[in-house]
Protein backbone atom coordinates (compact mmCIF):
# COMPACT_ATOMS: atom_id res chain seq x y z
CA MET A 1 170.01 22.46 78.26
CA ARG A 2 167.70 24.50 75.67
CA THR A 3 164.73 26.96 76.47
CA ARG A 4 161.69 26.85 74.66
CA THR A 5 160.16 29.91 73.40
CA LEU A 6 157.47 28.28 70.75
CA THR A 7 155.30 25.59 70.54
CA LEU A 8 156.59 22.71 69.17
CA SER A 9 153.56 20.46 66.94
CA ALA A 10 151.92 17.89 67.03
CA ALA A 11 153.46 14.57 65.24
CA ALA A 12 153.33 14.55 61.91
CA CYS A 13 150.78 11.25 60.47
CA ALA A 14 152.93 9.46 59.29
CA ALA A 15 155.03 7.68 61.77
CA LEU A 16 159.63 7.52 61.47
CA LEU A 17 160.52 4.28 62.18
CA ALA A 18 163.24 4.31 64.99
CA THR A 19 166.86 4.71 64.72
CA ALA A 20 169.22 1.82 66.54
CA THR A 21 171.87 3.83 68.72
CA LEU A 22 175.72 3.65 67.94
CA PRO A 23 178.43 1.84 69.88
CA ALA A 24 180.33 4.13 72.26
CA GLY A 25 182.07 6.49 69.69
CA ALA A 26 180.73 5.94 66.54
CA SER A 27 179.96 8.25 64.35
CA ALA A 28 178.05 6.46 61.77
CA THR A 29 174.73 7.58 61.34
CA ALA A 30 171.97 5.50 63.61
CA ASN A 31 170.02 2.31 61.96
CA PRO A 32 166.25 1.14 61.85
CA ARG A 33 165.24 -0.66 65.39
CA SER A 34 162.22 -2.24 66.45
CA ALA A 35 161.24 0.85 69.22
CA GLN A 36 159.52 -2.11 72.10
CA GLU A 37 162.90 -3.19 74.13
CA GLY A 38 162.68 -5.26 77.20
CA SER A 39 160.30 -7.69 78.46
CA VAL A 40 157.70 -5.36 80.12
CA SER A 41 155.14 -4.21 78.12
CA ALA A 42 153.57 -0.40 78.16
CA ALA A 43 150.64 -1.83 79.19
CA ALA A 44 151.74 -3.64 82.15
CA LEU A 45 153.97 0.33 83.29
CA LEU A 46 151.19 2.12 82.82
CA ALA A 47 148.76 0.41 85.22
CA LYS A 48 151.21 1.14 87.91
CA VAL A 49 150.53 5.16 87.17
CA THR A 50 147.65 5.63 86.98
CA SER A 51 147.24 7.95 90.10
CA CYS A 52 149.70 10.62 91.37
CA SER A 53 150.94 10.50 94.59
CA GLN A 54 152.97 14.64 94.20
CA ILE A 55 156.27 15.19 94.96
CA SER A 56 156.77 18.33 93.73
CA SER A 57 155.95 21.46 95.30
CA GLY A 58 153.71 22.80 92.43
CA LYS A 59 153.33 21.04 88.62
CA TYR A 60 155.36 22.36 85.38
CA ARG A 61 154.02 23.63 82.06
CA THR A 62 154.76 21.82 79.00
CA ASP A 63 155.27 25.07 76.44
CA GLU A 64 156.17 28.53 77.35
CA GLU A 65 152.10 29.64 76.77
CA THR A 66 150.86 26.36 78.63
CA SER A 67 149.21 26.15 82.11
CA ALA A 68 151.51 25.05 84.63
CA THR A 69 149.20 21.27 85.02
CA VAL A 70 152.09 18.11 85.00
CA PRO A 71 152.90 17.18 88.67
CA VAL A 72 156.50 14.96 89.44
CA CYS A 73 154.45 11.70 91.15
CA GLY A 74 156.33 9.41 93.26
CA LYS A 75 156.08 5.51 93.32
CA ASN A 76 158.38 2.73 94.72
CA GLY A 77 161.45 2.81 93.57
CA ALA A 78 160.75 5.69 90.52
CA VAL A 79 159.31 8.87 89.90
CA PHE A 80 156.79 9.82 86.65
CA TRP A 81 155.30 12.49 85.09
CA LYS A 82 153.23 12.22 81.97
CA ALA A 83 153.22 15.29 79.28
CA ASP A 84 154.34 16.09 75.50
CA LEU A 85 157.47 15.48 74.11
CA ASP A 86 159.32 18.13 72.81
CA ILE A 87 162.84 17.15 70.64
CA ASP A 88 165.46 17.46 72.21
CA CYS A 89 169.01 17.37 69.40
CA ASP A 90 171.72 19.26 71.35
CA GLY A 91 175.02 17.91 72.08
CA GLN A 92 177.15 17.27 68.95
CA VAL A 93 176.79 18.72 65.48
CA THR A 94 175.16 15.80 63.18
CA ALA A 95 173.91 16.23 59.97
CA ARG A 96 170.27 15.71 61.55
CA CYS A 97 171.06 18.60 65.06
CA ASN A 98 172.90 21.39 64.40
CA GLY A 99 172.44 25.06 64.36
CA ASP A 100 170.19 25.02 60.84
CA THR A 101 167.42 22.21 61.80
CA ASP A 102 167.41 23.39 64.87
CA PRO A 103 166.34 26.67 65.65
CA TRP A 104 167.03 26.30 69.73
CA PHE A 105 170.48 23.78 69.22
CA GLN A 106 173.33 24.32 71.42
CA ASP A 107 176.50 22.06 71.11
CA ASP A 108 176.18 20.56 74.53
CA THR A 109 174.14 18.33 77.32
CA ALA A 110 174.04 19.02 80.45
CA PHE A 111 175.87 15.63 80.76
CA HIS A 112 178.41 13.95 79.05
CA GLN A 113 180.30 10.75 77.49
CA SER A 114 182.92 8.66 79.02
CA ASN A 115 185.32 10.51 76.38
CA GLY A 116 184.08 14.50 77.76
CA GLN A 117 182.03 14.63 74.34
CA ALA A 118 178.46 16.14 74.56
CA LEU A 119 175.86 13.12 74.00
CA ARG A 120 174.30 12.32 70.72
CA ALA A 121 170.97 13.57 70.02
CA ASP A 122 170.40 11.61 67.11
CA SER A 123 171.50 8.11 68.09
CA LEU A 124 171.04 8.30 71.44
CA PRO A 125 167.82 7.73 73.54
CA TYR A 126 167.52 10.38 76.28
CA VAL A 127 165.14 12.37 78.40
CA VAL A 128 165.60 16.08 79.43
CA VAL A 129 164.44 16.49 83.21
CA PRO A 130 163.84 20.30 84.84
CA SER A 131 166.42 21.98 86.08
CA THR A 132 166.84 22.73 89.47
CA SER A 133 164.15 24.63 90.92
CA SER A 134 161.39 25.26 94.05
CA ILE A 135 159.28 23.09 91.62
CA TRP A 136 161.56 19.99 92.34
CA LYS A 137 165.32 19.51 92.38
CA TYR A 138 165.39 15.82 90.79
CA THR A 139 168.78 14.87 92.62
CA SER A 140 166.48 15.03 95.95
CA SER A 141 164.45 12.25 94.33
CA GLY A 142 166.88 9.69 93.64
CA ILE A 143 167.48 11.14 89.86
CA LYS A 144 170.93 11.61 87.81
CA GLY A 145 172.42 12.01 84.73
CA GLY A 146 172.93 8.85 83.12
CA GLY A 147 169.57 7.41 85.30
CA VAL A 148 167.63 5.19 83.23
CA VAL A 149 164.25 6.36 81.53
CA ALA A 150 160.83 4.13 80.19
CA VAL A 151 159.32 6.06 77.91
CA ILE A 152 156.08 5.16 76.77
CA TYR A 153 153.92 6.47 73.71
CA ASN A 154 151.19 4.76 71.93
CA GLY A 155 152.05 1.00 73.41
CA LYS A 156 155.81 1.54 72.90
CA VAL A 157 158.24 1.31 75.52
CA GLU A 158 161.34 3.26 74.99
CA TYR A 159 164.34 2.71 77.02
CA ALA A 160 166.50 6.20 77.19
CA VAL A 161 168.70 8.05 79.84
CA VAL A 162 168.56 11.30 81.52
CA GLY A 163 170.87 12.98 79.62
CA ASP A 164 169.95 16.86 79.62
CA THR A 165 168.47 19.21 81.52
CA GLY A 166 165.99 22.18 80.59
CA PRO A 167 163.65 25.64 82.21
CA THR A 168 163.39 25.30 84.83
CA GLN A 169 159.27 25.12 84.66
CA ILE A 170 158.93 23.07 81.67
CA ILE A 171 158.86 19.58 81.64
CA GLY A 172 158.32 16.90 78.62
CA GLU A 173 161.25 16.52 76.24
CA ALA A 174 163.41 13.66 75.02
CA SER A 175 166.46 13.07 72.35
CA TYR A 176 166.09 12.86 68.58
CA ALA A 177 166.59 9.16 69.06
CA THR A 178 163.63 8.24 71.59
CA ALA A 179 161.00 10.05 69.62
CA SER A 180 162.09 8.65 66.81
CA ALA A 181 162.10 4.96 68.33
CA LEU A 182 158.98 5.74 69.47
CA GLY A 183 157.29 6.83 66.31
CA ILE A 184 156.34 10.36 67.30
CA ASP A 185 158.34 12.46 64.55
CA PRO A 186 161.17 14.03 65.09
CA ASP A 187 162.44 17.48 63.69
CA PRO A 188 163.75 19.55 65.77
CA GLU A 189 161.44 22.80 64.81
CA THR A 190 158.32 20.67 63.81
CA GLY A 191 158.60 17.48 65.58
CA GLY A 192 157.42 15.99 68.61
CA THR A 193 153.98 14.79 70.22
CA ASP A 194 151.30 17.33 72.43
CA SER A 195 150.54 14.53 74.48
CA GLY A 196 150.27 11.06 74.82
CA VAL A 197 154.03 10.45 77.00
CA THR A 198 154.60 8.69 80.28
CA TYR A 199 158.32 9.00 81.60
CA ILE A 200 159.15 6.77 85.13
CA LEU A 201 162.84 7.57 85.95
CA PHE A 202 164.32 5.09 88.45
CA LYS A 203 165.73 6.15 91.54
CA ASN A 204 169.26 5.58 91.83
CA SER A 205 170.29 4.33 88.88
CA GLN A 206 173.11 4.86 86.12
CA VAL A 207 173.96 3.45 83.21
CA SER A 208 177.85 3.60 82.42
CA PRO A 209 179.07 4.60 79.76
CA ILE A 210 175.82 6.73 79.27
CA GLU A 211 176.43 6.57 76.05
CA SER A 212 175.15 3.16 75.68
CA HIS A 213 171.98 2.27 74.94
CA SER A 214 171.78 -1.40 74.90
CA ALA A 215 173.59 -1.09 79.27
CA ALA A 216 170.67 1.17 79.49
CA VAL A 217 167.67 -0.63 77.93
CA SER A 218 169.33 -3.91 80.51
CA LEU A 219 169.64 -2.06 82.93
CA GLY A 220 166.10 -0.36 81.94
CA ASP A 221 164.35 -3.52 81.72
CA SER A 222 165.95 -5.48 85.44
CA LEU A 223 164.89 -2.25 87.32
CA ALA A 224 161.07 -2.18 85.31
CA LYS A 225 160.10 -5.94 86.72
CA GLN A 226 161.21 -4.79 90.03
CA PHE A 227 159.03 -1.63 89.56
CA ILE A 228 156.16 -3.80 89.11
CA GLN A 229 156.86 -6.04 91.40
CA SER A 230 156.82 -3.23 93.94
CA ASN A 231 154.32 -1.49 93.34
């Protein structure tokens, strides 16, 4: 639920090792893991999103000062967009995500864990969707909190959940853990990447509990296979 007023820099040259999601309720720091998840390749998914049937009424900016160039596109069973990736570190206060490490830090997320706490950005891969506006209402497209998202970057697929909402006119943001898993600099102030990220959101999906990354991967892999078959 952040409002960014500064452009984040491009990713650092040295990609960081991916971090692992913790089980629900865990509080320890994350461990390294592989970013390629599931059995469906990045190439197979990208082959299905080469053209856009625009469903948004307008287009989004990737940052405050950029022009609006990013549409939300529709496919069978999913919506998608291609944008940058800014770092969302909102939610639970941790050593990586707090008011000192992130100038835009907020201690809450739009959607919450099963115990009512905010999500943990440095261990849970999640994606930010634009808040409802005249451009697009995400709920009207079957997108909901906890919905599964395939995030694709540099030949890697990372499954995430819809975990937060952002500005009404800006798109292209995901959690610290999402970026780290994809080899993108996850620093909330200086990290992120300016382009090359594809977000495929599967309609009418929901991970339960939302904080279970293993459940997101399992459901995401199944939905990705369906997506390939139906498009």
